[in-house]
Amino acid sequence: MISGTPLPATSLHGAVWAFDAVYTPVETQFLQDARAAGLSVFTGYELFFWQGVHAWAHFAGQPLDLGWLRAELLRDAEV
């Protein structure tokens, strides 16, 4: 597994939020550094989740229970 961060923690000064497109692990060193600096963070898992939701809407055109979907995805995964 590759670990690390694309930026040193000192580079986060003055930022308000941080986003990491890495799906797994959900808690990357970059996001840990961002949280420690007081930033709001958006994980790659959320990117994964919402890509699926929007693809479903586009291709299936059917309603989707977001709460059910999130619970089912989390049931067998550590997120």
PDB file of N, CA and C in Angstrom:
ATOM      1  N   MET A   1       0.846  -1.175   0.000  1.00  0.00           N
ATOM      2  CA  MET A   1       0.000   0.000   0.000  1.00  0.00           C
ATOM      3  C   MET A   1       0.889   1.236   0.000  1.00  0.00           C
ATOM      4  N   ILE A   2       0.532   2.191  -0.802  1.00  0.00           N
ATOM      5  CA  ILE A   2       1.258   3.454  -0.850  1.00  0.00           C
ATOM      6  C   ILE A   2       0.715   4.345   0.258  1.00  0.00           C
ATOM      7  N   SER A   3       1.611   4.969   0.971  1.00  0.00           N
ATOM      8  CA  SER A   3       1.164   5.894   2.008  1.00  0.00           C
ATOM      9  C   SER A   3       1.896   7.203   1.825  1.00  0.00           C
ATOM     10  N   GLY A   4       1.502   8.174   2.584  1.00  0.00           N
ATOM     11  CA  GLY A   4       2.136   9.471   2.493  1.00  0.00           C
ATOM     12  C   GLY A   4       1.126  10.550   2.200  1.00  0.00           C
ATOM     13  N   THR A   5       1.640  11.642   1.741  1.00  0.00           N
ATOM     14  CA  THR A   5       0.792  12.791   1.469  1.00  0.00           C
ATOM     15  C   THR A   5       1.379  13.581   0.307  1.00  0.00           C
ATOM     16  N   PRO A   6       0.555  14.188  -0.507  1.00  0.00           N
ATOM     17  CA  PRO A   6       1.071  14.956  -1.641  1.00  0.00           C
ATOM     18  C   PRO A   6       1.666  16.296  -1.231  1.00  0.00           C
ATOM     19  N   LEU A   7       1.319  16.767  -0.052  1.00  0.00           N
ATOM     20  CA  LEU A   7       1.781  18.069   0.419  1.00  0.00           C
ATOM     21  C   LEU A   7       2.242  17.981   1.866  1.00  0.00           C
ATOM     22  N   PRO A   8       3.253  18.733   2.214  1.00  0.00           N
ATOM     23  CA  PRO A   8       3.593  18.791   3.632  1.00  0.00           C
ATOM     24  C   PRO A   8       2.476  19.506   4.394  1.00  0.00           C
ATOM     25  N   ALA A   9       2.286  19.123   5.638  1.00  0.00           N
ATOM     26  CA  ALA A   9       1.217  19.705   6.457  1.00  0.00           C
ATOM     27  C   ALA A   9       1.300  21.222   6.509  1.00  0.00           C
ATOM     28  N   THR A  10       2.488  21.768   6.431  1.00  0.00           N
ATOM     29  CA  THR A  10       2.642  23.228   6.480  1.00  0.00           C
ATOM     30  C   THR A  10       2.006  23.924   5.280  1.00  0.00           C
ATOM     31  N   SER A  11       1.791  23.192   4.201  1.00  0.00           N
ATOM     32  CA  SER A  11       1.175  23.772   2.997  1.00  0.00           C
ATOM     33  C   SER A  11      -0.312  24.025   3.172  1.00  0.00           C
ATOM     34  N   LEU A  12      -0.902  23.486   4.220  1.00  0.00           N
ATOM     35  CA  LEU A  12      -2.341  23.616   4.435  1.00  0.00           C
ATOM     36  C   LEU A  12      -2.720  24.930   5.101  1.00  0.00           C
ATOM     37  N   HIS A  13      -1.741  25.682   5.551  1.00  0.00           N
ATOM     38  CA  HIS A  13      -2.011  26.948   6.240  1.00  0.00           C
ATOM     39  C   HIS A  13      -2.836  27.883   5.347  1.00  0.00           C
ATOM     40  N   GLY A  14      -3.927  28.392   5.900  1.00  0.00           N
ATOM     41  CA  GLY A  14      -4.779  29.327   5.173  1.00  0.00           C
ATOM     42  C   GLY A  14      -5.904  28.665   4.396  1.00  0.00           C
ATOM     43  N   ALA A  15      -5.862  27.337   4.276  1.00  0.00           N
ATOM     44  CA  ALA A  15      -6.922  26.631   3.559  1.00  0.00           C
ATOM     45  C   ALA A  15      -8.139  26.459   4.467  1.00  0.00           C
ATOM     46  N   VAL A  16      -9.289  26.247   3.863  1.00  0.00           N
ATOM     47  CA  VAL A  16     -10.528  26.052   4.601  1.00  0.00           C
ATOM     48  C   VAL A  16     -10.972  24.590   4.521  1.00  0.00           C
ATOM     49  N   TRP A  17     -10.719  23.943   3.381  1.00  0.00           N
ATOM     50  CA  TRP A  17     -11.125  22.565   3.185  1.00  0.00           C
ATOM     51  C   TRP A  17     -10.078  21.826   2.382  1.00  0.00           C
ATOM     52  N   ALA A  18     -10.165  20.497   2.430  1.00  0.00           N
ATOM     53  CA  ALA A  18      -9.257  19.640   1.666  1.00  0.00           C
ATOM     54  C   ALA A  18     -10.057  18.470   1.108  1.00  0.00           C
ATOM     55  N   PHE A  19      -9.677  18.017  -0.063  1.00  0.00           N
ATOM     56  CA  PHE A  19     -10.337  16.898  -0.716  1.00  0.00           C
ATOM     57  C   PHE A  19      -9.280  15.912  -1.180  1.00  0.00           C
ATOM     58  N   ASP A  20      -9.528  14.638  -0.942  1.00  0.00           N
ATOM     59  CA  ASP A  20      -8.641  13.590  -1.436  1.00  0.00           C
ATOM     60  C   ASP A  20      -9.465  12.636  -2.278  1.00  0.00           C
ATOM     61  N   ALA A  21      -9.047  12.390  -3.504  1.00  0.00           N
ATOM     62  CA  ALA A  21      -9.793  11.523  -4.412  1.00  0.00           C
ATOM     63  C   ALA A  21      -9.480  10.047  -4.212  1.00  0.00           C
ATOM     64  N   VAL A  22      -8.617   9.718  -3.273  1.00  0.00           N
ATOM     65  CA  VAL A  22      -8.287   8.324  -2.990  1.00  0.00           C
ATOM     66  C   VAL A  22      -9.480   7.659  -2.311  1.00  0.00           C
ATOM     67  N   TYR A  23      -9.957   6.552  -2.876  1.00  0.00           N
ATOM     68  CA  TYR A  23     -11.117   5.839  -2.303  1.00  0.00           C
ATOM     69  C   TYR A  23     -10.744   5.106  -1.023  1.00  0.00           C
ATOM     70  N   THR A  24      -9.654   4.360  -1.074  1.00  0.00           N
ATOM     71  CA  THR A  24      -9.191   3.604   0.088  1.00  0.00           C
ATOM     72  C   THR A  24      -7.683   3.731   0.202  1.00  0.00           C
ATOM     73  N   PRO A  25      -7.177   3.924   1.361  1.00  0.00           N
ATOM     74  CA  PRO A  25      -7.910   4.009   2.615  1.00  0.00           C
ATOM     75  C   PRO A  25      -8.683   5.323   2.683  1.00  0.00           C
ATOM     76  N   VAL A  26      -9.762   5.318   3.399  1.00  0.00           N
ATOM     77  CA  VAL A  26     -10.575   6.525   3.521  1.00  0.00           C
ATOM     78  C   VAL A  26      -9.791   7.613   4.260  1.00  0.00           C
ATOM     79  N   GLU A  27      -9.132   7.229   5.319  1.00  0.00           N
ATOM     80  CA  GLU A  27      -8.350   8.187   6.105  1.00  0.00           C
ATOM     81  C   GLU A  27      -6.901   8.183   5.636  1.00  0.00           C
ATOM     82  N   THR A  28      -6.589   9.053   4.706  1.00  0.00           N
ATOM     83  CA  THR A  28      -5.217   9.171   4.217  1.00  0.00           C
ATOM     84  C   THR A  28      -4.429  10.108   5.126  1.00  0.00           C
ATOM     85  N   GLN A  29      -3.122  10.044   5.019  1.00  0.00           N
ATOM     86  CA  GLN A  29      -2.282  10.949   5.809  1.00  0.00           C
ATOM     87  C   GLN A  29      -2.598  12.401   5.482  1.00  0.00           C
ATOM     88  N   PHE A  30      -2.858  12.667   4.211  1.00  0.00           N
ATOM     89  CA  PHE A  30      -3.209  14.022   3.788  1.00  0.00           C
ATOM     90  C   PHE A  30      -4.456  14.527   4.529  1.00  0.00           C
ATOM     91  N   LEU A  31      -5.501  13.699   4.590  1.00  0.00           N
ATOM     92  CA  LEU A  31      -6.726  14.119   5.275  1.00  0.00           C
ATOM     93  C   LEU A  31      -6.529  14.208   6.783  1.00  0.00           C
ATOM     94  N   GLN A  32      -5.706  13.336   7.334  1.00  0.00           N
ATOM     95  CA  GLN A  32      -5.399  13.428   8.761  1.00  0.00           C
ATOM     96  C   GLN A  32      -4.693  14.748   9.064  1.00  0.00           C
ATOM     97  N   ASP A  33      -3.744  15.116   8.213  1.00  0.00           N
ATOM     98  CA  ASP A  33      -3.047  16.399   8.383  1.00  0.00           C
ATOM     99  C   ASP A  33      -4.024  17.563   8.248  1.00  0.00           C
ATOM    100  N   ALA A  34      -4.929  17.469   7.288  1.00  0.00           N
ATOM    101  CA  ALA A  34      -5.906  18.538   7.068  1.00  0.00           C
ATOM    102  C   ALA A  34      -6.836  18.683   8.270  1.00  0.00           C
ATOM    103  N   ARG A  35      -7.313  17.567   8.807  1.00  0.00           N
ATOM    104  CA  ARG A  35      -8.171  17.626   9.998  1.00  0.00           C
ATOM    105  C   ARG A  35      -7.413  18.244  11.170  1.00  0.00           C
ATOM    106  N   ALA A  36      -6.163  17.823  11.338  1.00  0.00           N
ATOM    107  CA  ALA A  36      -5.345  18.343  12.437  1.00  0.00           C
ATOM    108  C   ALA A  36      -5.141  19.855  12.304  1.00  0.00           C
ATOM    109  N   ALA A  37      -5.170  20.349  11.068  1.00  0.00           N
ATOM    110  CA  ALA A  37      -5.017  21.784  10.822  1.00  0.00           C
ATOM    111  C   ALA A  37      -6.355  22.516  10.930  1.00  0.00           C
ATOM    112  N   GLY A  38      -7.436  21.779  11.248  1.00  0.00           N
ATOM    113  CA  GLY A  38      -8.746  22.396  11.428  1.00  0.00           C
ATOM    114  C   GLY A  38      -9.551  22.570  10.159  1.00  0.00           C
ATOM    115  N   LEU A  39      -9.156  21.920   9.069  1.00  0.00           N
ATOM    116  CA  LEU A  39      -9.868  22.049   7.803  1.00  0.00           C
ATOM    117  C   LEU A  39     -11.062  21.095   7.752  1.00  0.00           C
ATOM    118  N   SER A  40     -12.082  21.463   6.996  1.00  0.00           N
ATOM    119  CA  SER A  40     -13.157  20.536   6.656  1.00  0.00           C
ATOM    120  C   SER A  40     -12.599  19.618   5.580  1.00  0.00           C
ATOM    121  N   VAL A  41     -12.919  18.331   5.658  1.00  0.00           N
ATOM    122  CA  VAL A  41     -12.368  17.401   4.670  1.00  0.00           C
ATOM    123  C   VAL A  41     -13.475  16.650   3.944  1.00  0.00           C
ATOM    124  N   PHE A  42     -13.178  16.285   2.720  1.00  0.00           N
ATOM    125  CA  PHE A  42     -14.052  15.483   1.882  1.00  0.00           C
ATOM    126  C   PHE A  42     -13.228  14.287   1.422  1.00  0.00           C
ATOM    127  N   THR A  43     -13.727  13.097   1.694  1.00  0.00           N
ATOM    128  CA  THR A  43     -12.949  11.894   1.400  1.00  0.00           C
ATOM    129  C   THR A  43     -13.210  11.371  -0.006  1.00  0.00           C
ATOM    130  N   GLY A  44     -12.300  10.541  -0.464  1.00  0.00           N
ATOM    131  CA  GLY A  44     -12.481   9.865  -1.736  1.00  0.00           C
ATOM    132  C   GLY A  44     -13.650   8.897  -1.698  1.00  0.00           C
ATOM    133  N   TYR A  45     -13.983   8.402  -0.505  1.00  0.00           N
ATOM    134  CA  TYR A  45     -15.143   7.521  -0.387  1.00  0.00           C
ATOM    135  C   TYR A  45     -16.409   8.257  -0.801  1.00  0.00           C
ATOM    136  N   GLU A  46     -16.530   9.519  -0.420  1.00  0.00           N
ATOM    137  CA  GLU A  46     -17.703  10.304  -0.820  1.00  0.00           C
ATOM    138  C   GLU A  46     -17.732  10.487  -2.334  1.00  0.00           C
ATOM    139  N   LEU A  47     -16.571  10.663  -2.938  1.00  0.00           N
ATOM    140  CA  LEU A  47     -16.501  10.738  -4.401  1.00  0.00           C
ATOM    141  C   LEU A  47     -17.020   9.436  -4.997  1.00  0.00           C
ATOM    142  N   PHE A  48     -16.548   8.302  -4.506  1.00  0.00           N
ATOM    143  CA  PHE A  48     -16.992   6.984  -4.948  1.00  0.00           C
ATOM    144  C   PHE A  48     -18.509   6.845  -4.810  1.00  0.00           C
ATOM    145  N   PHE A  49     -19.025   7.198  -3.638  1.00  0.00           N
ATOM    146  CA  PHE A  49     -20.446   7.063  -3.363  1.00  0.00           C
ATOM    147  C   PHE A  49     -21.284   7.898  -4.332  1.00  0.00           C
ATOM    148  N   TRP A  50     -20.935   9.172  -4.455  1.00  0.00           N
ATOM    149  CA  TRP A  50     -21.761  10.067  -5.288  1.00  0.00           C
ATOM    150  C   TRP A  50     -21.591   9.811  -6.775  1.00  0.00           C
ATOM    151  N   GLN A  51     -20.435   9.311  -7.209  1.00  0.00           N
ATOM    152  CA  GLN A  51     -20.305   8.905  -8.612  1.00  0.00           C
ATOM    153  C   GLN A  51     -21.303   7.800  -8.925  1.00  0.00           C
ATOM    154  N   GLY A  52     -21.407   6.847  -8.006  1.00  0.00           N
ATOM    155  CA  GLY A  52     -22.364   5.753  -8.197  1.00  0.00           C
ATOM    156  C   GLY A  52     -23.798   6.230  -8.202  1.00  0.00           C
ATOM    157  N   VAL A  53     -24.125   7.121  -7.285  1.00  0.00           N
ATOM    158  CA  VAL A  53     -25.490   7.659  -7.210  1.00  0.00           C
ATOM    159  C   VAL A  53     -25.854   8.379  -8.509  1.00  0.00           C
ATOM    160  N   HIS A  54     -24.955   9.221  -8.982  1.00  0.00           N
ATOM    161  CA  HIS A  54     -25.259   9.983 -10.199  1.00  0.00           C
ATOM    162  C   HIS A  54     -25.260   9.095 -11.448  1.00  0.00           C
ATOM    163  N   ALA A  55     -24.399   8.079 -11.470  1.00  0.00           N
ATOM    164  CA  ALA A  55     -24.423   7.142 -12.600  1.00  0.00           C
ATOM    165  C   ALA A  55     -25.738   6.373 -12.616  1.00  0.00           C
ATOM    166  N   TRP A  56     -26.191   5.945 -11.439  1.00  0.00           N
ATOM    167  CA  TRP A  56     -27.473   5.234 -11.349  1.00  0.00           C
ATOM    168  C   TRP A  56     -28.604   6.116 -11.882  1.00  0.00           C
ATOM    169  N   ALA A  57     -28.634   7.364 -11.448  1.00  0.00           N
ATOM    170  CA  ALA A  57     -29.689   8.283 -11.896  1.00  0.00           C
ATOM    171  C   ALA A  57     -29.638   8.467 -13.411  1.00  0.00           C
ATOM    172  N   HIS A  58     -28.433   8.583 -13.944  1.00  0.00           N
ATOM    173  CA  HIS A  58     -28.273   8.824 -15.374  1.00  0.00           C
ATOM    174  C   HIS A  58     -28.680   7.609 -16.208  1.00  0.00           C
ATOM    175  N   PHE A  59     -28.180   6.444 -15.834  1.00  0.00           N
ATOM    176  CA  PHE A  59     -28.392   5.262 -16.659  1.00  0.00           C
ATOM    177  C   PHE A  59     -29.665   4.502 -16.336  1.00  0.00           C
ATOM    178  N   ALA A  60     -30.061   4.460 -15.071  1.00  0.00           N
ATOM    179  CA  ALA A  60     -31.243   3.685 -14.694  1.00  0.00           C
ATOM    180  C   ALA A  60     -32.496   4.548 -14.644  1.00  0.00           C
ATOM    181  N   GLY A  61     -32.312   5.806 -14.275  1.00  0.00           N
ATOM    182  CA  GLY A  61     -33.465   6.690 -14.190  1.00  0.00           C
ATOM    183  C   GLY A  61     -34.483   6.251 -13.151  1.00  0.00           C
ATOM    184  N   GLN A  62     -34.050   5.469 -12.188  1.00  0.00           N
ATOM    185  CA  GLN A  62     -34.930   4.946 -11.151  1.00  0.00           C
ATOM    186  C   GLN A  62     -34.584   5.594  -9.815  1.00  0.00           C
ATOM    187  N   PRO A  63     -35.556   5.671  -8.908  1.00  0.00           N
ATOM    188  CA  PRO A  63     -35.264   6.230  -7.588  1.00  0.00           C
ATOM    189  C   PRO A  63     -34.271   5.340  -6.842  1.00  0.00           C
ATOM    190  N   LEU A  64     -33.559   5.942  -5.938  1.00  0.00           N
ATOM    191  CA  LEU A  64     -32.556   5.229  -5.156  1.00  0.00           C
ATOM    192  C   LEU A  64     -32.648   5.691  -3.712  1.00  0.00           C
ATOM    193  N   ASP A  65     -32.699   4.749  -2.803  1.00  0.00           N
ATOM    194  CA  ASP A  65     -32.741   5.054  -1.378  1.00  0.00           C
ATOM    195  C   ASP A  65     -31.302   5.244  -0.896  1.00  0.00           C
ATOM    196  N   LEU A  66     -30.898   6.487  -0.745  1.00  0.00           N
ATOM    197  CA  LEU A  66     -29.506   6.792  -0.396  1.00  0.00           C
ATOM    198  C   LEU A  66     -29.110   6.222   0.957  1.00  0.00           C
ATOM    199  N   GLY A  67     -30.009   6.279   1.923  1.00  0.00           N
ATOM    200  CA  GLY A  67     -29.708   5.719   3.243  1.00  0.00           C
ATOM    201  C   GLY A  67     -29.467   4.227   3.181  1.00  0.00           C
ATOM    202  N   TRP A  68     -30.309   3.524   2.438  1.00  0.00           N
ATOM    203  CA  TRP A  68     -30.153   2.080   2.268  1.00  0.00           C
ATOM    204  C   TRP A  68     -28.842   1.768   1.563  1.00  0.00           C
ATOM    205  N   LEU A  69     -28.558   2.480   0.485  1.00  0.00           N
ATOM    206  CA  LEU A  69     -27.337   2.236  -0.278  1.00  0.00           C
ATOM    207  C   LEU A  69     -26.108   2.427   0.594  1.00  0.00           C
ATOM    208  N   ARG A  70     -26.060   3.529   1.324  1.00  0.00           N
ATOM    209  CA  ARG A  70     -24.901   3.803   2.178  1.00  0.00           C
ATOM    210  C   ARG A  70     -24.751   2.709   3.234  1.00  0.00           C
ATOM    211  N   ALA A  71     -25.839   2.296   3.834  1.00  0.00           N
ATOM    212  CA  ALA A  71     -25.795   1.245   4.867  1.00  0.00           C
ATOM    213  C   ALA A  71     -25.304  -0.073   4.266  1.00  0.00           C
ATOM    214  N   GLU A  72     -25.773  -0.417   3.084  1.00  0.00           N
ATOM    215  CA  GLU A  72     -25.351  -1.669   2.444  1.00  0.00           C
ATOM    216  C   GLU A  72     -23.869  -1.643   2.081  1.00  0.00           C
ATOM    217  N   LEU A  73     -23.399  -0.524   1.594  1.00  0.00           N
ATOM    218  CA  LEU A  73     -21.982  -0.413   1.242  1.00  0.00           C
ATOM    219  C   LEU A  73     -21.102  -0.485   2.492  1.00  0.00           C
ATOM    220  N   LEU A  74     -21.559   0.094   3.569  1.00  0.00           N
ATOM    221  CA  LEU A  74     -20.785   0.116   4.801  1.00  0.00           C
ATOM    222  C   LEU A  74     -20.851  -1.216   5.547  1.00  0.00           C
ATOM    223  N   ARG A  75     -21.875  -1.997   5.273  1.00  0.00           N
ATOM    224  CA  ARG A  75     -22.076  -3.254   6.004  1.00  0.00           C
ATOM    225  C   ARG A  75     -20.873  -4.175   5.890  1.00  0.00           C
ATOM    226  N   ASP A  76     -20.297  -4.268   4.712  1.00  0.00           N
ATOM    227  CA  ASP A  76     -19.182  -5.180   4.500  1.00  0.00           C
ATOM    228  C   ASP A  76     -17.843  -4.475   4.319  1.00  0.00           C
ATOM    229  N   ALA A  77     -17.805  -3.197   4.574  1.00  0.00           N
ATOM    230  CA  ALA A  77     -16.565  -2.450   4.371  1.00  0.00           C
ATOM    231  C   ALA A  77     -16.213  -1.676   5.630  1.00  0.00           C
ATOM    232  N   GLU A  78     -14.956  -1.396   5.758  1.00  0.00           N
ATOM    233  CA  GLU A  78     -14.523  -0.535   6.855  1.00  0.00           C
ATOM    234  C   GLU A  78     -14.324   0.863   6.293  1.00  0.00           C
ATOM    235  N   VAL A  79     -15.271   1.738   6.557  1.00  0.00           N
ATOM    236  CA  VAL A  79     -15.199   3.105   6.051  1.00  0.00           C
ATOM    237  C   VAL A  79     -15.316   4.059   7.209  1.00  0.00           C
TER     238      VAL A  79
END
